[in-house]
N, C-alpha and C. Protein backbone atom coordinates (compact mmCIF):
# COMPACT_ATOMS: atom_id res chain seq x y z
N MET A 1 127.98 83.81 129.77
CA MET A 1 128.29 83.09 130.99
C MET A 1 129.19 81.90 130.68
N SER A 2 130.09 81.61 131.57
CA SER A 2 130.98 80.46 131.41
C SER A 2 130.28 79.19 131.88
N VAL A 3 130.88 78.05 131.61
CA VAL A 3 130.33 76.76 132.05
C VAL A 3 130.17 76.76 133.57
N ASP A 4 131.18 77.21 134.30
CA ASP A 4 131.10 77.22 135.77
C ASP A 4 130.01 78.15 136.28
N GLN A 5 129.84 79.30 135.64
CA GLN A 5 128.78 80.23 136.06
C GLN A 5 127.40 79.61 135.83
N VAL A 6 127.23 78.93 134.72
CA VAL A 6 125.94 78.28 134.44
C VAL A 6 125.70 77.16 135.44
N LYS A 7 126.73 76.36 135.73
CA LYS A 7 126.59 75.27 136.71
C LYS A 7 126.06 75.76 138.04
N LYS A 8 126.51 76.93 138.47
CA LYS A 8 126.08 77.49 139.76
C LYS A 8 124.60 77.86 139.75
N CYS A 9 124.03 78.07 138.57
CA CYS A 9 122.62 78.46 138.45
C CYS A 9 121.68 77.27 138.31
N ILE A 10 122.24 76.08 138.17
CA ILE A 10 121.44 74.87 137.95
C ILE A 10 121.42 74.04 139.22
N ASP A 11 120.24 73.56 139.59
CA ASP A 11 120.12 72.74 140.80
C ASP A 11 120.86 71.41 140.69
N ARG A 12 120.62 70.69 139.62
CA ARG A 12 121.23 69.37 139.44
C ARG A 12 121.84 69.27 138.04
N PRO A 13 122.97 69.92 137.81
CA PRO A 13 123.54 69.89 136.46
C PRO A 13 124.06 68.50 136.10
N GLU A 14 123.73 68.06 134.91
CA GLU A 14 124.26 66.81 134.37
C GLU A 14 125.34 67.21 133.38
N ILE A 15 126.55 66.75 133.61
CA ILE A 15 127.68 67.13 132.76
C ILE A 15 127.73 66.20 131.55
N VAL A 16 127.85 66.79 130.37
CA VAL A 16 127.93 66.04 129.13
C VAL A 16 129.39 66.05 128.68
N PRO A 17 130.00 64.87 128.51
CA PRO A 17 131.40 64.84 128.08
C PRO A 17 131.56 65.39 126.67
N GLU A 18 132.76 65.82 126.36
CA GLU A 18 133.05 66.35 125.02
C GLU A 18 133.46 65.24 124.06
N THR A 19 133.11 64.01 124.35
CA THR A 19 133.42 62.90 123.46
C THR A 19 132.53 62.98 122.22
N PRO A 20 133.01 62.47 121.09
CA PRO A 20 132.19 62.52 119.87
C PRO A 20 130.81 61.87 120.04
N ASP A 21 130.74 60.72 120.71
CA ASP A 21 129.45 60.04 120.89
C ASP A 21 128.49 60.87 121.72
N ALA A 22 128.95 61.41 122.84
CA ALA A 22 128.09 62.21 123.71
C ALA A 22 127.61 63.46 123.00
N GLN A 23 128.49 64.11 122.26
CA GLN A 23 128.10 65.32 121.54
C GLN A 23 127.15 64.99 120.39
N TYR A 24 127.38 63.90 119.71
CA TYR A 24 126.49 63.48 118.61
C TYR A 24 125.08 63.24 119.13
N ASN A 25 124.96 62.64 120.30
CA ASN A 25 123.66 62.31 120.87
C ASN A 25 122.93 63.52 121.47
N ASN A 26 123.61 64.63 121.68
CA ASN A 26 123.00 65.78 122.34
C ASN A 26 122.89 67.03 121.48
N ASN A 27 123.45 67.03 120.29
CA ASN A 27 123.44 68.24 119.46
C ASN A 27 122.59 68.06 118.22
N ILE A 28 122.05 69.18 117.75
CA ILE A 28 121.26 69.19 116.53
C ILE A 28 122.02 69.91 115.43
N PHE A 29 122.62 71.05 115.76
CA PHE A 29 123.33 71.85 114.76
C PHE A 29 124.83 71.58 114.82
N THR A 30 125.46 71.55 113.65
CA THR A 30 126.91 71.41 113.57
C THR A 30 127.56 72.59 114.28
N GLY A 31 128.59 72.31 115.05
CA GLY A 31 129.30 73.36 115.77
C GLY A 31 128.79 73.58 117.18
N ASP A 32 127.63 73.01 117.50
CA ASP A 32 127.13 73.13 118.87
C ASP A 32 127.96 72.26 119.80
N LYS A 33 128.04 72.67 121.06
CA LYS A 33 128.77 71.92 122.08
C LYS A 33 127.89 71.92 123.33
N THR A 34 127.13 70.83 123.52
CA THR A 34 126.28 70.70 124.70
C THR A 34 127.14 70.17 125.83
N LEU A 35 127.27 70.96 126.90
CA LEU A 35 128.13 70.56 128.02
C LEU A 35 127.35 70.32 129.31
N LEU A 36 126.13 70.85 129.40
CA LEU A 36 125.32 70.67 130.60
C LEU A 36 123.87 70.40 130.21
N ILE A 37 123.21 69.59 131.03
CA ILE A 37 121.78 69.34 130.87
C ILE A 37 121.12 69.52 132.22
N GLU A 38 119.98 70.19 132.23
CA GLU A 38 119.16 70.32 133.44
C GLU A 38 117.86 69.57 133.17
N ARG A 39 117.65 68.48 133.86
CA ARG A 39 116.45 67.65 133.68
C ARG A 39 115.29 68.21 134.49
N ASN A 40 114.10 68.05 133.95
CA ASN A 40 112.85 68.39 134.64
C ASN A 40 112.78 69.85 135.08
N TYR A 41 113.19 70.77 134.23
CA TYR A 41 113.06 72.20 134.50
C TYR A 41 111.59 72.57 134.29
N ILE A 42 111.03 73.33 135.20
CA ILE A 42 109.60 73.65 135.15
C ILE A 42 109.39 75.04 134.54
N ILE A 43 108.56 75.09 133.49
CA ILE A 43 108.11 76.34 132.88
C ILE A 43 106.60 76.24 132.76
N GLU A 44 105.88 77.19 133.38
CA GLU A 44 104.41 77.20 133.31
C GLU A 44 103.82 75.84 133.69
N ASP A 45 104.29 75.27 134.78
CA ASP A 45 103.81 73.98 135.30
C ASP A 45 104.07 72.80 134.37
N ARG A 46 104.99 72.94 133.42
CA ARG A 46 105.36 71.85 132.53
C ARG A 46 106.84 71.54 132.73
N SER A 47 107.19 70.26 132.58
CA SER A 47 108.56 69.82 132.79
C SER A 47 109.30 69.69 131.45
N PHE A 48 110.52 70.23 131.40
CA PHE A 48 111.34 70.19 130.20
C PHE A 48 112.76 69.79 130.57
N ASP A 49 113.51 69.29 129.60
CA ASP A 49 114.95 69.11 129.76
C ASP A 49 115.61 70.27 129.01
N VAL A 50 116.53 70.95 129.66
CA VAL A 50 117.21 72.09 129.05
C VAL A 50 118.66 71.69 128.79
N LYS A 51 119.07 71.79 127.53
CA LYS A 51 120.45 71.51 127.14
C LYS A 51 121.16 72.83 126.93
N TYR A 52 122.26 73.03 127.65
CA TYR A 52 123.03 74.27 127.60
C TYR A 52 124.15 74.12 126.58
N ILE A 53 124.13 74.97 125.56
CA ILE A 53 125.06 74.88 124.45
C ILE A 53 126.08 76.02 124.55
N PHE A 54 127.34 75.67 124.37
CA PHE A 54 128.44 76.62 124.52
C PHE A 54 129.20 76.78 123.21
N ASP A 55 129.87 77.93 123.07
CA ASP A 55 130.68 78.17 121.88
C ASP A 55 132.09 77.63 122.09
N GLU A 56 132.97 77.90 121.12
CA GLU A 56 134.34 77.37 121.19
C GLU A 56 135.15 77.97 122.33
N LYS A 57 134.69 79.11 122.88
CA LYS A 57 135.37 79.73 124.03
C LYS A 57 134.70 79.37 125.35
N TYR A 58 133.80 78.38 125.30
CA TYR A 58 133.09 77.88 126.48
C TYR A 58 132.21 78.95 127.13
N ARG A 59 131.60 79.80 126.29
CA ARG A 59 130.63 80.79 126.74
C ARG A 59 129.25 80.31 126.30
N LEU A 60 128.25 80.53 127.13
CA LEU A 60 126.89 80.10 126.82
C LEU A 60 126.43 80.72 125.51
N LYS A 61 125.97 79.87 124.60
CA LYS A 61 125.56 80.31 123.27
C LYS A 61 124.05 80.20 123.08
N ALA A 62 123.45 79.10 123.56
CA ALA A 62 122.03 78.86 123.31
C ALA A 62 121.51 77.82 124.28
N LEU A 63 120.18 77.69 124.31
CA LEU A 63 119.51 76.64 125.08
C LEU A 63 118.65 75.86 124.11
N ASN A 64 118.72 74.54 124.16
CA ASN A 64 117.75 73.70 123.48
C ASN A 64 116.82 73.19 124.56
N ILE A 65 115.53 73.47 124.40
CA ILE A 65 114.53 73.09 125.40
C ILE A 65 113.75 71.92 124.81
N VAL A 66 113.83 70.78 125.47
CA VAL A 66 113.24 69.55 124.97
C VAL A 66 112.01 69.22 125.80
N GLY A 67 110.88 69.05 125.13
CA GLY A 67 109.64 68.80 125.86
C GLY A 67 108.66 68.02 125.03
N TYR A 68 107.45 68.52 124.98
CA TYR A 68 106.39 67.83 124.26
C TYR A 68 105.83 68.76 123.18
N GLU A 69 105.07 68.19 122.27
CA GLU A 69 104.48 68.97 121.20
C GLU A 69 103.53 70.02 121.77
N GLY A 70 103.58 71.22 121.26
CA GLY A 70 102.69 72.28 121.70
C GLY A 70 103.29 73.21 122.74
N TYR A 71 104.47 72.93 123.23
CA TYR A 71 105.07 73.76 124.28
C TYR A 71 105.69 75.04 123.73
N TYR A 72 105.92 75.11 122.42
CA TYR A 72 106.50 76.32 121.82
C TYR A 72 105.64 77.54 122.17
N GLU A 73 104.32 77.38 122.05
CA GLU A 73 103.41 78.48 122.33
C GLU A 73 103.48 78.91 123.80
N ILE A 74 103.66 77.96 124.70
CA ILE A 74 103.77 78.28 126.13
C ILE A 74 104.99 79.17 126.37
N ILE A 75 106.12 78.78 125.80
CA ILE A 75 107.35 79.55 126.01
C ILE A 75 107.28 80.88 125.24
N LEU A 76 106.68 80.88 124.06
CA LEU A 76 106.49 82.12 123.31
C LEU A 76 105.67 83.12 124.13
N ASN A 77 104.58 82.65 124.73
CA ASN A 77 103.74 83.54 125.55
C ASN A 77 104.49 84.03 126.78
N SER A 78 105.27 83.15 127.39
CA SER A 78 106.05 83.53 128.57
C SER A 78 107.08 84.61 128.21
N LEU A 79 107.78 84.43 127.10
CA LEU A 79 108.77 85.43 126.67
C LEU A 79 108.10 86.72 126.21
N SER A 80 106.94 86.61 125.58
CA SER A 80 106.21 87.81 125.16
C SER A 80 105.78 88.62 126.38
N GLY A 81 105.42 87.93 127.46
CA GLY A 81 105.08 88.62 128.69
C GLY A 81 106.27 89.37 129.27
N LYS A 82 107.46 88.82 129.05
CA LYS A 82 108.67 89.45 129.59
C LYS A 82 109.22 90.54 128.67
N TYR A 83 109.26 90.27 127.34
CA TYR A 83 109.90 91.18 126.39
C TYR A 83 108.92 91.96 125.51
N GLY A 84 107.63 91.67 125.59
CA GLY A 84 106.65 92.31 124.71
C GLY A 84 106.48 91.54 123.42
N LYS A 85 105.77 92.13 122.48
CA LYS A 85 105.50 91.49 121.20
C LYS A 85 106.80 91.32 120.41
N PRO A 86 107.02 90.13 119.81
CA PRO A 86 108.23 89.94 119.01
C PRO A 86 108.27 90.88 117.81
N ALA A 87 109.46 91.33 117.44
CA ALA A 87 109.64 92.18 116.25
C ALA A 87 109.35 91.37 114.99
N ILE A 88 109.71 90.10 115.03
CA ILE A 88 109.45 89.20 113.91
C ILE A 88 108.78 87.96 114.47
N LEU A 89 107.68 87.55 113.85
CA LEU A 89 106.97 86.35 114.27
C LEU A 89 106.54 85.61 113.01
N GLU A 90 107.20 84.49 112.74
CA GLU A 90 106.89 83.68 111.56
C GLU A 90 106.23 82.40 112.03
N GLY A 91 105.12 82.04 111.41
CA GLY A 91 104.39 80.83 111.78
C GLY A 91 104.86 79.64 110.97
N GLY A 92 103.98 78.68 110.80
CA GLY A 92 104.29 77.48 110.03
C GLY A 92 104.72 76.33 110.92
N MET A 93 105.24 75.29 110.29
CA MET A 93 105.65 74.08 111.01
C MET A 93 106.85 74.33 111.92
N LEU A 94 107.76 75.21 111.52
CA LEU A 94 108.94 75.53 112.32
C LEU A 94 108.99 77.03 112.57
N PRO A 95 108.13 77.53 113.46
CA PRO A 95 108.03 78.97 113.68
C PRO A 95 109.27 79.57 114.34
N ILE A 96 109.41 80.88 114.13
CA ILE A 96 110.51 81.66 114.71
C ILE A 96 109.94 82.95 115.28
N ALA A 97 110.42 83.34 116.44
CA ALA A 97 110.08 84.64 117.03
C ALA A 97 111.38 85.33 117.40
N ILE A 98 111.47 86.63 117.07
CA ILE A 98 112.69 87.39 117.36
C ILE A 98 112.30 88.67 118.10
N TRP A 99 112.97 88.91 119.21
CA TRP A 99 112.78 90.13 119.99
C TRP A 99 114.03 90.98 119.88
N ASN A 100 113.87 92.27 119.58
CA ASN A 100 114.97 93.23 119.62
C ASN A 100 114.92 93.92 120.98
N LEU A 101 116.02 93.90 121.70
CA LEU A 101 116.09 94.50 123.03
C LEU A 101 117.14 95.61 123.02
N PRO A 102 116.78 96.80 122.54
CA PRO A 102 117.76 97.89 122.42
C PRO A 102 118.43 98.26 123.73
N THR A 103 117.70 98.22 124.84
CA THR A 103 118.31 98.60 126.12
C THR A 103 119.37 97.61 126.56
N LYS A 104 119.27 96.37 126.08
CA LYS A 104 120.27 95.35 126.42
C LYS A 104 121.25 95.12 125.27
N HIS A 105 121.08 95.87 124.19
CA HIS A 105 121.94 95.76 123.01
C HIS A 105 122.02 94.33 122.50
N THR A 106 120.86 93.69 122.40
CA THR A 106 120.86 92.31 121.95
C THR A 106 119.56 91.97 121.24
N THR A 107 119.58 90.85 120.56
CA THR A 107 118.42 90.29 119.89
C THR A 107 118.31 88.84 120.35
N ILE A 108 117.09 88.41 120.67
CA ILE A 108 116.87 87.05 121.14
C ILE A 108 115.97 86.33 120.15
N LYS A 109 116.31 85.08 119.85
CA LYS A 109 115.53 84.29 118.89
C LYS A 109 115.02 83.02 119.56
N LEU A 110 113.73 82.74 119.35
CA LEU A 110 113.10 81.50 119.78
C LEU A 110 112.70 80.77 118.51
N GLN A 111 113.13 79.53 118.37
CA GLN A 111 112.90 78.80 117.13
C GLN A 111 112.51 77.36 117.43
N ARG A 112 111.43 76.89 116.80
CA ARG A 112 111.10 75.46 116.92
C ARG A 112 111.97 74.72 115.92
N ILE A 113 112.68 73.71 116.40
CA ILE A 113 113.57 72.92 115.55
C ILE A 113 112.86 71.65 115.10
N SER A 114 112.03 71.10 115.98
CA SER A 114 111.23 69.91 115.67
C SER A 114 109.99 69.97 116.55
N ASP A 115 109.18 68.92 116.51
CA ASP A 115 107.97 68.89 117.34
C ASP A 115 108.29 69.01 118.82
N THR A 116 109.44 68.50 119.23
CA THR A 116 109.73 68.45 120.67
C THR A 116 110.96 69.23 121.10
N VAL A 117 111.58 69.98 120.20
CA VAL A 117 112.78 70.75 120.55
C VAL A 117 112.63 72.19 120.06
N ILE A 118 112.88 73.16 120.98
CA ILE A 118 112.97 74.55 120.56
C ILE A 118 114.33 75.09 120.98
N ARG A 119 114.75 76.14 120.31
CA ARG A 119 116.06 76.74 120.59
C ARG A 119 115.86 78.19 120.98
N TYR A 120 116.51 78.58 122.05
CA TYR A 120 116.45 79.96 122.57
C TYR A 120 117.88 80.46 122.56
N GLU A 121 118.15 81.50 121.77
CA GLU A 121 119.53 81.96 121.69
C GLU A 121 119.62 83.47 121.51
N LYS A 122 120.73 83.98 121.98
CA LYS A 122 121.07 85.39 121.79
C LYS A 122 121.63 85.49 120.38
N GLU A 123 120.99 86.26 119.54
CA GLU A 123 121.38 86.38 118.14
C GLU A 123 122.63 87.21 117.95
N THR A 124 122.71 88.34 118.64
CA THR A 124 123.80 89.27 118.41
C THR A 124 124.02 90.15 119.63
N ASP A 125 125.19 90.70 119.77
CA ASP A 125 125.47 91.63 120.86
C ASP A 125 125.20 93.07 120.45
N LYS A 126 124.98 93.29 119.18
CA LYS A 126 124.77 94.66 118.69
C LYS A 126 123.55 94.69 117.79
N LEU A 127 122.72 95.70 117.96
CA LEU A 127 121.55 95.86 117.08
C LEU A 127 121.93 96.69 115.87
């Protein structure tokens, strides 16, 4: 999805400038480009801030979901309800769950980056 397509899906999009300071304050991984933020997005009766990350061609690449400690399990359970049991599920301090979706020709990864940030991204277009 393009930036404009994502904007249409968000109730109150907050635009993040492409200035070095704004990008430094909103990104975790090198090469990420956070261009939109949706504040107070509700998942399972919990409020999160969702940062929309785009690639160099301005196509949606990933979501960083910022919330509180313990929310990883809530989103993991929600995605498991939608996609079934993850093909790969690694525990520990920074757990990762990966779903293979052959009918959609894609793989989705959910990863805890810190206590309060998780990343949801499409891993590949081909299995």
